[in-house]
PDB file of N, CA and C in Angstrom:
ATOM      1  N   MET A   1     -12.406   3.470 -15.561  1.00  0.00           N
ATOM      2  CA  MET A   1     -11.301   2.671 -14.587  1.00  0.00           C
ATOM      3  C   MET A   1     -11.387   4.276 -13.583  1.00  0.00           C
ATOM      4  N   THR A   2     -11.687   3.408 -12.577  1.00  0.00           N
ATOM      5  CA  THR A   2     -11.475   3.845 -11.197  1.00  0.00           C
ATOM      6  C   THR A   2      -9.878   3.355 -10.639  1.00  0.00           C
ATOM      7  N   ASN A   3      -9.347   4.873  -9.807  1.00  0.00           N
ATOM      8  CA  ASN A   3      -7.849   4.184  -9.091  1.00  0.00           C
ATOM      9  C   ASN A   3      -8.189   4.392  -8.111  1.00  0.00           C
ATOM     10  N   THR A   4      -7.388   3.048  -7.305  1.00  0.00           N
ATOM     11  CA  THR A   4      -7.993   2.904  -5.507  1.00  0.00           C
ATOM     12  C   THR A   4      -6.822   3.215  -5.624  1.00  0.00           C
ATOM     13  N   MET A   5      -6.147   4.321  -4.376  1.00  0.00           N
ATOM     14  CA  MET A   5      -5.500   4.026  -2.956  1.00  0.00           C
ATOM     15  C   MET A   5      -5.305   3.578  -1.578  1.00  0.00           C
ATOM     16  N   TYR A   6      -4.526   2.594  -1.263  1.00  0.00           N
ATOM     17  CA  TYR A   6      -5.077   2.321  -0.105  1.00  0.00           C
ATOM     18  C   TYR A   6      -3.815   2.728   1.034  1.00  0.00           C
ATOM     19  N   GLY A   7      -4.291   3.011   1.908  1.00  0.00           N
ATOM     20  CA  GLY A   7      -3.244   3.257   3.167  1.00  0.00           C
ATOM     21  C   GLY A   7      -3.948   4.201   4.293  1.00  0.00           C
ATOM     22  N   ILE A   8      -3.282   4.783   5.148  1.00  0.00           N
ATOM     23  CA  ILE A   8      -3.843   5.146   6.028  1.00  0.00           C
ATOM     24  C   ILE A   8      -3.991   6.638   6.107  1.00  0.00           C
ATOM     25  N   THR A   9      -5.271   7.307   6.512  1.00  0.00           N
ATOM     26  CA  THR A   9      -5.094   9.135   6.643  1.00  0.00           C
ATOM     27  C   THR A   9      -3.878   9.810   7.075  1.00  0.00           C
ATOM     28  N   THR A  10      -3.730   9.520   8.187  1.00  0.00           N
ATOM     29  CA  THR A  10      -2.512  10.012   9.027  1.00  0.00           C
ATOM     30  C   THR A  10      -0.715  10.061   8.010  1.00  0.00           C
ATOM     31  N   CYS A  11      -0.629   9.527   6.877  1.00  0.00           N
ATOM     32  CA  CYS A  11       0.486   9.472   6.763  1.00  0.00           C
ATOM     33  C   CYS A  11       1.150  10.648   5.579  1.00  0.00           C
ATOM     34  N   ASP A  12       2.387  10.564   5.927  1.00  0.00           N
ATOM     35  CA  ASP A  12       2.153  12.135   4.879  1.00  0.00           C
ATOM     36  C   ASP A  12       2.958  11.364   3.448  1.00  0.00           C
ATOM     37  N   THR A  13       3.140  10.872   3.697  1.00  0.00           N
ATOM     38  CA  THR A  13       3.362   9.718   2.499  1.00  0.00           C
ATOM     39  C   THR A  13       1.970   9.735   1.921  1.00  0.00           C
ATOM     40  N   ILE A  14       1.312   9.339   2.067  1.00  0.00           N
ATOM     41  CA  ILE A  14      -0.526   9.414   1.662  1.00  0.00           C
ATOM     42  C   ILE A  14      -1.114  11.061   0.856  1.00  0.00           C
ATOM     43  N   LYS A  15      -0.442  11.381   1.804  1.00  0.00           N
ATOM     44  CA  LYS A  15      -0.701  12.849   1.765  1.00  0.00           C
ATOM     45  C   LYS A  15      -0.637  13.312   0.844  1.00  0.00           C
ATOM     46  N   LYS A  16       0.753  13.085   0.394  1.00  0.00           N
ATOM     47  CA  LYS A  16       1.427  13.479  -0.746  1.00  0.00           C
ATOM     48  C   LYS A  16       0.915  13.803  -2.080  1.00  0.00           C
ATOM     49  N   ALA A  17       0.701  12.238  -1.603  1.00  0.00           N
ATOM     50  CA  ALA A  17       0.267  11.321  -3.637  1.00  0.00           C
ATOM     51  C   ALA A  17      -1.415  11.890  -3.521  1.00  0.00           C
ATOM     52  N   ARG A  18      -2.434  11.929  -2.565  1.00  0.00           N
ATOM     53  CA  ARG A  18      -3.112  12.725  -2.670  1.00  0.00           C
ATOM     54  C   ARG A  18      -3.069  13.717  -3.044  1.00  0.00           C
ATOM     55  N   VAL A  19      -2.745  14.827  -2.899  1.00  0.00           N
ATOM     56  CA  VAL A  19      -2.457  16.027  -3.012  1.00  0.00           C
ATOM     57  C   VAL A  19      -1.737  16.094  -4.723  1.00  0.00           C
ATOM     58  N   TRP A  20      -0.950  15.340  -5.135  1.00  0.00           N
ATOM     59  CA  TRP A  20      -0.664  14.974  -6.280  1.00  0.00           C
ATOM     60  C   TRP A  20      -1.205  15.213  -7.862  1.00  0.00           C
ATOM     61  N   LEU A  21      -2.455  13.432  -6.668  1.00  0.00           N
ATOM     62  CA  LEU A  21      -3.666  13.178  -8.182  1.00  0.00           C
ATOM     63  C   LEU A  21      -4.477  14.180  -8.094  1.00  0.00           C
ATOM     64  N   GLU A  22      -4.895  14.685  -6.812  1.00  0.00           N
ATOM     65  CA  GLU A  22      -5.872  16.005  -7.017  1.00  0.00           C
ATOM     66  C   GLU A  22      -5.398  16.992  -7.658  1.00  0.00           C
ATOM     67  N   SER A  23      -4.566  17.785  -7.850  1.00  0.00           N
ATOM     68  CA  SER A  23      -3.690  18.896  -8.695  1.00  0.00           C
ATOM     69  C   SER A  23      -3.754  18.148  -9.891  1.00  0.00           C
ATOM     70  N   HIS A  24      -3.949  17.098 -10.267  1.00  0.00           N
ATOM     71  CA  HIS A  24      -3.811  16.457 -11.371  1.00  0.00           C
ATOM     72  C   HIS A  24      -4.655  15.938 -12.161  1.00  0.00           C
ATOM     73  N   ASP A  25      -5.834  15.900 -11.234  1.00  0.00           N
ATOM     74  CA  ASP A  25      -7.596  16.167 -11.933  1.00  0.00           C
ATOM     75  C   ASP A  25      -7.590  14.718 -12.030  1.00  0.00           C
ATOM     76  N   VAL A  26      -6.878  13.372 -11.346  1.00  0.00           N
ATOM     77  CA  VAL A  26      -6.367  12.252 -11.589  1.00  0.00           C
ATOM     78  C   VAL A  26      -7.703  11.604 -10.654  1.00  0.00           C
ATOM     79  N   PRO A  27      -9.297  11.059 -11.001  1.00  0.00           N
ATOM     80  CA  PRO A  27     -10.247  10.510 -10.097  1.00  0.00           C
ATOM     81  C   PRO A  27      -9.633   9.120  -9.164  1.00  0.00           C
ATOM     82  N   TYR A  28      -9.811   9.305  -7.940  1.00  0.00           N
ATOM     83  CA  TYR A  28      -9.708   7.740  -7.492  1.00  0.00           C
ATOM     84  C   TYR A  28     -10.215   8.149  -6.071  1.00  0.00           C
ATOM     85  N   ARG A  29     -10.613   6.628  -5.663  1.00  0.00           N
ATOM     86  CA  ARG A  29     -11.144   6.277  -4.457  1.00  0.00           C
ATOM     87  C   ARG A  29      -9.827   5.941  -3.448  1.00  0.00           C
ATOM     88  N   PHE A  30     -10.238   6.416  -2.420  1.00  0.00           N
ATOM     89  CA  PHE A  30      -9.630   6.187  -1.252  1.00  0.00           C
ATOM     90  C   PHE A  30      -9.996   4.970  -0.674  1.00  0.00           C
ATOM     91  N   HIS A  31      -9.079   4.169   0.609  1.00  0.00           N
ATOM     92  CA  HIS A  31      -9.272   2.747   1.172  1.00  0.00           C
ATOM     93  C   HIS A  31      -8.478   2.530   2.171  1.00  0.00           C
ATOM     94  N   ASP A  32      -9.381   3.303   3.442  1.00  0.00           N
ATOM     95  CA  ASP A  32      -8.162   4.168   4.615  1.00  0.00           C
ATOM     96  C   ASP A  32      -8.342   1.803   5.550  1.00  0.00           C
ATOM     97  N   TYR A  33      -6.707   1.873   5.691  1.00  0.00           N
ATOM     98  CA  TYR A  33      -6.878   0.357   6.559  1.00  0.00           C
ATOM     99  C   TYR A  33      -7.278   0.289   7.542  1.00  0.00           C
ATOM    100  N   ARG A  34      -7.063   1.450   8.257  1.00  0.00           N
ATOM    101  CA  ARG A  34      -7.881   1.474   9.311  1.00  0.00           C
ATOM    102  C   ARG A  34      -9.070   1.482   9.822  1.00  0.00           C
ATOM    103  N   ALA A  35      -9.808   1.942   9.013  1.00  0.00           N
ATOM    104  CA  ALA A  35     -11.441   1.420   8.886  1.00  0.00           C
ATOM    105  C   ALA A  35     -12.309   0.433   8.188  1.00  0.00           C
ATOM    106  N   GLU A  36     -10.853   0.156   6.839  1.00  0.00           N
ATOM    107  CA  GLU A  36     -11.723  -0.746   5.877  1.00  0.00           C
ATOM    108  C   GLU A  36     -11.031  -2.259   6.030  1.00  0.00           C
ATOM    109  N   GLY A  37      -9.938  -2.184   6.772  1.00  0.00           N
ATOM    110  CA  GLY A  37      -9.088  -3.203   6.917  1.00  0.00           C
ATOM    111  C   GLY A  37      -8.497  -3.814   5.321  1.00  0.00           C
ATOM    112  N   ILE A  38      -8.143  -4.692   4.994  1.00  0.00           N
ATOM    113  CA  ILE A  38      -8.070  -5.173   3.793  1.00  0.00           C
ATOM    114  C   ILE A  38      -8.010  -7.399   3.647  1.00  0.00           C
ATOM    115  N   GLU A  39      -8.475  -6.968   2.421  1.00  0.00           N
ATOM    116  CA  GLU A  39      -9.082  -8.825   2.282  1.00  0.00           C
ATOM    117  C   GLU A  39      -7.913  -9.323   2.205  1.00  0.00           C
ATOM    118  N   ALA A  40      -8.075 -10.524   1.997  1.00  0.00           N
ATOM    119  CA  ALA A  40      -7.142 -11.963   2.035  1.00  0.00           C
ATOM    120  C   ALA A  40      -6.797 -11.870   0.498  1.00  0.00           C
ATOM    121  N   ASP A  41      -7.621 -12.026  -0.541  1.00  0.00           N
ATOM    122  CA  ASP A  41      -7.723 -12.276  -1.165  1.00  0.00           C
ATOM    123  C   ASP A  41      -7.001 -10.969  -2.360  1.00  0.00           C
ATOM    124  N   LYS A  42      -7.221  -9.272  -2.101  1.00  0.00           N
ATOM    125  CA  LYS A  42      -6.606  -8.216  -2.658  1.00  0.00           C
ATOM    126  C   LYS A  42      -5.032  -8.557  -2.060  1.00  0.00           C
ATOM    127  N   LEU A  43      -4.610  -8.765  -0.551  1.00  0.00           N
ATOM    128  CA  LEU A  43      -3.492  -9.192  -0.505  1.00  0.00           C
ATOM    129  C   LEU A  43      -2.581 -10.007  -1.143  1.00  0.00           C
ATOM    130  N   SER A  44      -3.502 -11.554  -1.128  1.00  0.00           N
ATOM    131  CA  SER A  44      -2.207 -12.523  -2.080  1.00  0.00           C
ATOM    132  C   SER A  44      -2.419 -12.014  -3.694  1.00  0.00           C
ATOM    133  N   GLY A  45      -3.138 -10.904  -4.334  1.00  0.00           N
ATOM    134  CA  GLY A  45      -3.112 -10.590  -5.512  1.00  0.00           C
ATOM    135  C   GLY A  45      -2.059  -9.699  -5.576  1.00  0.00           C
ATOM    136  N   TRP A  46      -1.653  -8.552  -4.165  1.00  0.00           N
ATOM    137  CA  TRP A  46      -0.726  -8.050  -4.992  1.00  0.00           C
ATOM    138  C   TRP A  46       0.543  -8.155  -4.790  1.00  0.00           C
ATOM    139  N   VAL A  47       0.787  -9.286  -3.562  1.00  0.00           N
ATOM    140  CA  VAL A  47       2.091 -10.467  -3.906  1.00  0.00           C
ATOM    141  C   VAL A  47       2.018 -10.707  -5.182  1.00  0.00           C
ATOM    142  N   GLY A  48       1.373 -11.322  -5.746  1.00  0.00           N
ATOM    143  CA  GLY A  48       1.256 -12.252  -6.551  1.00  0.00           C
ATOM    144  C   GLY A  48       1.945 -11.441  -7.255  1.00  0.00           C
ATOM    145  N   LYS A  49       1.898  -9.821  -7.802  1.00  0.00           N
ATOM    146  CA  LYS A  49       1.917  -9.358  -8.191  1.00  0.00           C
ATOM    147  C   LYS A  49       3.430  -8.133  -8.303  1.00  0.00           C
ATOM    148  N   VAL A  50       3.364  -7.937  -7.121  1.00  0.00           N
ATOM    149  CA  VAL A  50       5.050  -7.093  -6.800  1.00  0.00           C
ATOM    150  C   VAL A  50       5.724  -7.741  -5.603  1.00  0.00           C
ATOM    151  N   GLY A  51       5.452  -9.375  -4.799  1.00  0.00           N
ATOM    152  CA  GLY A  51       6.157  -9.543  -3.874  1.00  0.00           C
ATOM    153  C   GLY A  51       5.692  -9.589  -2.721  1.00  0.00           C
ATOM    154  N   TRP A  52       6.079 -10.055  -1.570  1.00  0.00           N
ATOM    155  CA  TRP A  52       5.710  -9.913  -0.113  1.00  0.00           C
ATOM    156  C   TRP A  52       6.627  -8.779   0.003  1.00  0.00           C
ATOM    157  N   GLU A  53       7.809  -8.717  -0.041  1.00  0.00           N
ATOM    158  CA  GLU A  53       9.074  -8.522   0.390  1.00  0.00           C
ATOM    159  C   GLU A  53       9.161  -6.740  -0.318  1.00  0.00           C
ATOM    160  N   LYS A  54       8.300  -6.711  -1.107  1.00  0.00           N
ATOM    161  CA  LYS A  54       7.922  -5.234  -1.763  1.00  0.00           C
ATOM    162  C   LYS A  54       6.830  -4.583  -0.753  1.00  0.00           C
ATOM    163  N   LEU A  55       6.432  -5.466  -0.749  1.00  0.00           N
ATOM    164  CA  LEU A  55       4.748  -4.425   0.207  1.00  0.00           C
ATOM    165  C   LEU A  55       5.079  -4.583   1.729  1.00  0.00           C
ATOM    166  N   LEU A  56       5.349  -5.463   2.461  1.00  0.00           N
ATOM    167  CA  LEU A  56       6.027  -5.347   4.146  1.00  0.00           C
ATOM    168  C   LEU A  56       6.889  -4.102   4.014  1.00  0.00           C
ATOM    169  N   ASN A  57       6.417  -3.589   4.952  1.00  0.00           N
ATOM    170  CA  ASN A  57       6.979  -1.979   5.269  1.00  0.00           C
ATOM    171  C   ASN A  57       7.821  -2.282   6.534  1.00  0.00           C
ATOM    172  N   LYS A  58       9.369  -3.281   6.660  1.00  0.00           N
ATOM    173  CA  LYS A  58       9.698  -2.698   7.859  1.00  0.00           C
ATOM    174  C   LYS A  58      10.124  -2.104   8.840  1.00  0.00           C
ATOM    175  N   GLY A  59      10.465  -0.774   8.215  1.00  0.00           N
ATOM    176  CA  GLY A  59      10.622   0.376   9.163  1.00  0.00           C
ATOM    177  C   GLY A  59       9.904   1.148   9.607  1.00  0.00           C
ATOM    178  N   SER A  60       8.260   0.530   9.334  1.00  0.00           N
ATOM    179  CA  SER A  60       7.135   0.830  10.018  1.00  0.00           C
ATOM    180  C   SER A  60       7.235   1.026  11.195  1.00  0.00           C
ATOM    181  N   THR A  61       6.713   1.568  12.098  1.00  0.00           N
ATOM    182  CA  THR A  61       6.596   1.770  12.946  1.00  0.00           C
ATOM    183  C   THR A  61       5.904   0.153  13.921  1.00  0.00           C
ATOM    184  N   THR A  62       4.642  -0.094  13.543  1.00  0.00           N
ATOM    185  CA  THR A  62       3.968  -0.923  13.491  1.00  0.00           C
ATOM    186  C   THR A  62       4.639  -2.778  13.485  1.00  0.00           C
ATOM    187  N   PHE A  63       5.561  -2.538  12.617  1.00  0.00           N
ATOM    188  CA  PHE A  63       6.535  -3.537  12.087  1.00  0.00           C
ATOM    189  C   PHE A  63       7.515  -3.453  13.492  1.00  0.00           C
ATOM    190  N   ARG A  64       8.619  -2.660  13.809  1.00  0.00           N
ATOM    191  CA  ARG A  64       9.106  -2.196  14.765  1.00  0.00           C
ATOM    192  C   ARG A  64       8.697  -3.262  16.352  1.00  0.00           C
ATOM    193  N   GLU A  65       7.641  -2.346  16.147  1.00  0.00           N
ATOM    194  CA  GLU A  65       7.254  -2.953  17.550  1.00  0.00           C
ATOM    195  C   GLU A  65       6.700  -4.723  17.855  1.00  0.00           C
ATOM    196  N   LEU A  66       7.203  -5.217  17.024  1.00  0.00           N
ATOM    197  CA  LEU A  66       6.643  -6.428  17.013  1.00  0.00           C
ATOM    198  C   LEU A  66       7.391  -7.052  17.817  1.00  0.00           C
ATOM    199  N   PRO A  67       6.783  -8.664  18.769  1.00  0.00           N
ATOM    200  CA  PRO A  67       8.221  -8.945  19.380  1.00  0.00           C
ATOM    201  C   PRO A  67       8.665 -10.112  17.694  1.00  0.00           C
ATOM    202  N   GLU A  68      10.683  -9.828  18.747  1.00  0.00           N
ATOM    203  CA  GLU A  68      11.190 -10.766  17.732  1.00  0.00           C
ATOM    204  C   GLU A  68      11.071 -11.831  16.894  1.00  0.00           C
ATOM    205  N   LYS A  69      10.473 -12.942  17.887  1.00  0.00           N
ATOM    206  CA  LYS A  69       9.528 -14.311  17.263  1.00  0.00           C
ATOM    207  C   LYS A  69       8.963 -13.503  16.108  1.00  0.00           C
ATOM    208  N   ASP A  70       8.128 -12.872  15.991  1.00  0.00           N
ATOM    209  CA  ASP A  70       7.782 -12.461  14.796  1.00  0.00           C
ATOM    210  C   ASP A  70       8.249 -12.288  13.552  1.00  0.00           C
ATOM    211  N   LYS A  71       9.587 -11.265  13.556  1.00  0.00           N
ATOM    212  CA  LYS A  71       9.942 -10.778  12.691  1.00  0.00           C
ATOM    213  C   LYS A  71      11.401 -11.935  11.866  1.00  0.00           C
ATOM    214  N   GLU A  72      11.381 -12.869  12.731  1.00  0.00           N
ATOM    215  CA  GLU A  72      12.122 -13.790  12.428  1.00  0.00           C
ATOM    216  C   GLU A  72      11.475 -15.198  11.313  1.00  0.00           C
ATOM    217  N   ALA A  73      12.524 -15.203  10.659  1.00  0.00           N
ATOM    218  CA  ALA A  73      12.158 -16.080   9.481  1.00  0.00           C
ATOM    219  C   ALA A  73      11.349 -16.084   8.408  1.00  0.00           C
ATOM    220  N   LEU A  74      11.174 -14.855   7.889  1.00  0.00           N
ATOM    221  CA  LEU A  74      10.017 -14.449   7.206  1.00  0.00           C
ATOM    222  C   LEU A  74       9.919 -15.212   5.842  1.00  0.00           C
ATOM    223  N   ASP A  75       8.271 -15.410   5.433  1.00  0.00           N
ATOM    224  CA  ASP A  75       8.370 -16.010   4.018  1.00  0.00           C
ATOM    225  C   ASP A  75       6.903 -15.200   3.738  1.00  0.00           C
ATOM    226  N   GLU A  76       6.768 -15.508   2.631  1.00  0.00           N
ATOM    227  CA  GLU A  76       5.323 -14.900   2.454  1.00  0.00           C
ATOM    228  C   GLU A  76       4.540 -15.379   2.767  1.00  0.00           C
ATOM    229  N   LYS A  77       4.425 -16.636   3.657  1.00  0.00           N
ATOM    230  CA  LYS A  77       2.908 -16.863   5.027  1.00  0.00           C
ATOM    231  C   LYS A  77       2.682 -16.254   5.718  1.00  0.00           C
ATOM    232  N   LYS A  78       4.062 -15.579   6.373  1.00  0.00           N
ATOM    233  CA  LYS A  78       4.032 -15.459   7.344  1.00  0.00           C
ATOM    234  C   LYS A  78       4.056 -13.949   7.200  1.00  0.00           C
ATOM    235  N   ALA A  79       4.472 -13.527   6.298  1.00  0.00           N
ATOM    236  CA  ALA A  79       4.429 -11.846   6.006  1.00  0.00           C
ATOM    237  C   ALA A  79       2.843 -11.428   5.575  1.00  0.00           C
ATOM    238  N   LYS A  80       2.526 -11.885   4.879  1.00  0.00           N
ATOM    239  CA  LYS A  80       1.032 -11.948   5.074  1.00  0.00           C
ATOM    240  C   LYS A  80       0.371 -11.650   5.833  1.00  0.00           C
ATOM    241  N   LYS A  81       0.258 -12.804   6.389  1.00  0.00           N
ATOM    242  CA  LYS A  81      -0.521 -13.096   8.066  1.00  0.00           C
ATOM    243  C   LYS A  81       0.010 -11.667   8.927  1.00  0.00           C
ATOM    244  N   LEU A  82       1.125 -11.253   8.782  1.00  0.00           N
ATOM    245  CA  LEU A  82       1.439  -9.950   9.022  1.00  0.00           C
ATOM    246  C   LEU A  82       0.735  -9.132   9.047  1.00  0.00           C
ATOM    247  N   MET A  83       0.647  -8.539   7.649  1.00  0.00           N
ATOM    248  CA  MET A  83       0.228  -7.651   7.029  1.00  0.00           C
ATOM    249  C   MET A  83      -1.433  -7.860   6.843  1.00  0.00           C
ATOM    250  N   LEU A  84      -2.018  -8.578   7.094  1.00  0.00           N
ATOM    251  CA  LEU A  84      -3.924  -8.857   7.168  1.00  0.00           C
ATOM    252  C   LEU A  84      -3.996  -8.392   8.715  1.00  0.00           C
ATOM    253  N   ALA A  85      -3.061  -9.274   9.782  1.00  0.00           N
ATOM    254  CA  ALA A  85      -3.910  -8.868  11.076  1.00  0.00           C
ATOM    255  C   ALA A  85      -3.370  -7.314  11.835  1.00  0.00           C
ATOM    256  N   LYS A  86      -2.376  -6.658  10.487  1.00  0.00           N
ATOM    257  CA  LYS A  86      -1.908  -5.070  10.916  1.00  0.00           C
ATOM    258  C   LYS A  86      -1.421  -4.694   9.740  1.00  0.00           C
ATOM    259  N   PRO A  87      -2.789  -4.222   8.821  1.00  0.00           N
ATOM    260  CA  PRO A  87      -2.477  -3.678   7.663  1.00  0.00           C
ATOM    261  C   PRO A  87      -1.162  -2.458   7.613  1.00  0.00           C
ATOM    262  N   THR A  88      -1.073  -1.907   8.767  1.00  0.00           N
ATOM    263  CA  THR A  88      -0.160  -0.887   8.712  1.00  0.00           C
ATOM    264  C   THR A  88       1.025  -0.850   8.903  1.00  0.00           C
ATOM    265  N   MET A  89       1.614  -2.072   8.769  1.00  0.00           N
ATOM    266  CA  MET A  89       2.251  -2.622   7.723  1.00  0.00           C
ATOM    267  C   MET A  89       2.909  -2.835   6.094  1.00  0.00           C
ATOM    268  N   ILE A  90       1.663  -2.379   5.870  1.00  0.00           N
ATOM    269  CA  ILE A  90       1.860  -2.089   4.311  1.00  0.00           C
ATOM    270  C   ILE A  90       2.606  -0.969   3.711  1.00  0.00           C
ATOM    271  N   LYS A  91       3.496  -1.110   2.725  1.00  0.00           N
ATOM    272  CA  LYS A  91       4.179  -0.249   2.913  1.00  0.00           C
ATOM    273  C   LYS A  91       2.671   0.758   1.916  1.00  0.00           C
ATOM    274  N   ARG A  92       3.016   2.428   1.862  1.00  0.00           N
ATOM    275  CA  ARG A  92       2.110   2.922   1.748  1.00  0.00           C
ATOM    276  C   ARG A  92       2.917   4.541   0.462  1.00  0.00           C
ATOM    277  N   PRO A  93       1.623   4.684  -0.245  1.00  0.00           N
ATOM    278  CA  PRO A  93       0.227   4.197  -0.423  1.00  0.00           C
ATOM    279  C   PRO A  93       0.690   3.029  -1.924  1.00  0.00           C
ATOM    280  N   VAL A  94      -0.572   2.018  -1.668  1.00  0.00           N
ATOM    281  CA  VAL A  94      -0.595   1.133  -2.959  1.00  0.00           C
ATOM    282  C   VAL A  94      -1.842   2.336  -4.029  1.00  0.00           C
ATOM    283  N   LEU A  95      -1.664   2.403  -4.963  1.00  0.00           N
ATOM    284  CA  LEU A  95      -2.685   2.544  -5.825  1.00  0.00           C
ATOM    285  C   LEU A  95      -2.579   1.805  -7.099  1.00  0.00           C
ATOM    286  N   GLU A  96      -3.612   1.087  -7.264  1.00  0.00           N
ATOM    287  CA  GLU A  96      -3.953   0.384  -8.219  1.00  0.00           C
ATOM    288  C   GLU A  96      -4.982   0.981  -9.342  1.00  0.00           C
ATOM    289  N   VAL A  97      -4.047   0.915 -10.534  1.00  0.00           N
ATOM    290  CA  VAL A  97      -4.537   1.903 -11.935  1.00  0.00           C
ATOM    291  C   VAL A  97      -4.576   0.925 -12.831  1.00  0.00           C
ATOM    292  N   GLY A  98      -5.912   0.222 -12.540  1.00  0.00           N
ATOM    293  CA  GLY A  98      -6.717  -0.786 -14.219  1.00  0.00           C
ATOM    294  C   GLY A  98      -5.418  -2.017 -13.014  1.00  0.00           C
ATOM    295  N   ASP A  99      -5.164  -2.848 -13.246  1.00  0.00           N
ATOM    296  CA  ASP A  99      -4.571  -4.070 -12.885  1.00  0.00           C
ATOM    297  C   ASP A  99      -2.793  -3.884 -12.401  1.00  0.00           C
ATOM    298  N   ARG A 100      -2.530  -2.739 -12.906  1.00  0.00           N
ATOM    299  CA  ARG A 100      -0.855  -2.232 -12.623  1.00  0.00           C
ATOM    300  C   ARG A 100      -1.039  -2.355 -10.644  1.00  0.00           C
ATOM    301  N   ILE A 101      -0.042  -2.574 -10.621  1.00  0.00           N
ATOM    302  CA  ILE A 101      -0.341  -1.756  -8.691  1.00  0.00           C
ATOM    303  C   ILE A 101       1.317  -1.098  -8.817  1.00  0.00           C
ATOM    304  N   LEU A 102       0.684   0.250  -7.885  1.00  0.00           N
ATOM    305  CA  LEU A 102       2.308   1.113  -7.833  1.00  0.00           C
ATOM    306  C   LEU A 102       2.161   1.182  -6.415  1.00  0.00           C
ATOM    307  N   VAL A 103       3.576   0.826  -5.723  1.00  0.00           N
ATOM    308  CA  VAL A 103       3.735   0.955  -4.574  1.00  0.00           C
ATOM    309  C   VAL A 103       4.808   1.866  -3.736  1.00  0.00           C
ATOM    310  N   GLY A 104       4.042   2.853  -2.580  1.00  0.00           N
ATOM    311  CA  GLY A 104       4.891   4.282  -2.886  1.00  0.00           C
ATOM    312  C   GLY A 104       4.639   5.102  -3.444  1.00  0.00           C
ATOM    313  N   PHE A 105       5.072   6.545  -3.022  1.00  0.00           N
ATOM    314  CA  PHE A 105       5.060   7.296  -4.357  1.00  0.00           C
ATOM    315  C   PHE A 105       6.100   8.117  -4.528  1.00  0.00           C
ATOM    316  N   LYS A 106       6.652   8.279  -6.191  1.00  0.00           N
ATOM    317  CA  LYS A 106       7.058   8.870  -6.919  1.00  0.00           C
ATOM    318  C   LYS A 106       6.380   9.421  -7.953  1.00  0.00           C
ATOM    319  N   PRO A 107       6.349  11.117  -8.105  1.00  0.00           N
ATOM    320  CA  PRO A 107       5.582  11.890  -9.229  1.00  0.00           C
ATOM    321  C   PRO A 107       5.583  11.159 -10.222  1.00  0.00           C
ATOM    322  N   GLU A 108       6.978  10.998 -10.575  1.00  0.00           N
ATOM    323  CA  GLU A 108       7.813  10.455 -11.853  1.00  0.00           C
ATOM    324  C   GLU A 108       6.522   9.360 -12.562  1.00  0.00           C
ATOM    325  N   ILE A 109       6.505   8.003 -11.426  1.00  0.00           N
ATOM    326  CA  ILE A 109       5.844   6.957 -11.623  1.00  0.00           C
ATOM    327  C   ILE A 109       4.178   7.178 -11.634  1.00  0.00           C
ATOM    328  N   TYR A 110       4.050   8.202 -10.975  1.00  0.00           N
ATOM    329  CA  TYR A 110       2.415   8.224 -10.861  1.00  0.00           C
ATOM    330  C   TYR A 110       2.263   8.912 -12.530  1.00  0.00           C
ATOM    331  N   GLU A 111       3.172  10.488 -13.217  1.00  0.00           N
ATOM    332  CA  GLU A 111       2.599  10.385 -13.853  1.00  0.00           C
ATOM    333  C   GLU A 111       2.508   9.589 -15.075  1.00  0.00           C
ATOM    334  N   GLU A 112       3.958   8.661 -15.207  1.00  0.00           N
ATOM    335  CA  GLU A 112       3.476   7.561 -16.224  1.00  0.00           C
ATOM    336  C   GLU A 112       2.654   6.453 -16.177  1.00  0.00           C
ATOM    337  N   ALA A 113       2.088   5.999 -15.334  1.00  0.00           N
ATOM    338  CA  ALA A 113       0.846   5.821 -14.341  1.00  0.00           C
ATOM    339  C   ALA A 113      -0.763   6.396 -15.128  1.00  0.00           C
ATOM    340  N   VAL A 114      -0.747   6.992 -14.317  1.00  0.00           N
ATOM    341  CA  VAL A 114      -2.668   8.085 -14.643  1.00  0.00           C
ATOM    342  C   VAL A 114      -2.175   9.074 -15.601  1.00  0.00           C
ATOM    343  N   GLY A 115      -1.471   9.935 -15.743  1.00  0.00           N
ATOM    344  CA  GLY A 115      -0.925  11.341 -16.735  1.00  0.00           C
ATOM    345  C   GLY A 115      -1.423  11.766 -15.782  1.00  0.00           C
ATOM    346  N   GLY A 116      -2.548  12.880 -16.359  1.00  0.00           N
ATOM    347  CA  GLY A 116      -3.328  13.974 -15.514  1.00  0.00           C
ATOM    348  C   GLY A 116      -3.140  14.847 -16.423  1.00  0.00           C
ATOM    349  N   LYS A 117      -3.765  16.093 -15.877  1.00  0.00           N
ATOM    350  CA  LYS A 117      -3.403  17.370 -16.826  1.00  0.00           C
ATOM    351  C   LYS A 117      -2.569  17.618 -17.249  1.00  0.00           C
TER     352      LYS A 117
END
């Protein structure tokens, strides 16, 4: 099973999560949103599992810089459109472990999900 981490290389939380995975000998592939984007089907699958509210990072610089009209009346359709257009609005990291999705980084949750040495 290949674990896949989604995010951007400059994110401090991504850096911490990558260090944790590597120090626990957990293999993973890194998917950089800036270089590779995100597929609509992938995002829809995540939304179906964890909800758009958990995925959309309203605290991100990208979201805060949006025009007010784009932030108003948010629903699933509008949130997905925003995240597809600017994947840096997706909370980081997203880690796929089999059919499970982990959003954000907490060492104890990673330990439970992927173990390691």
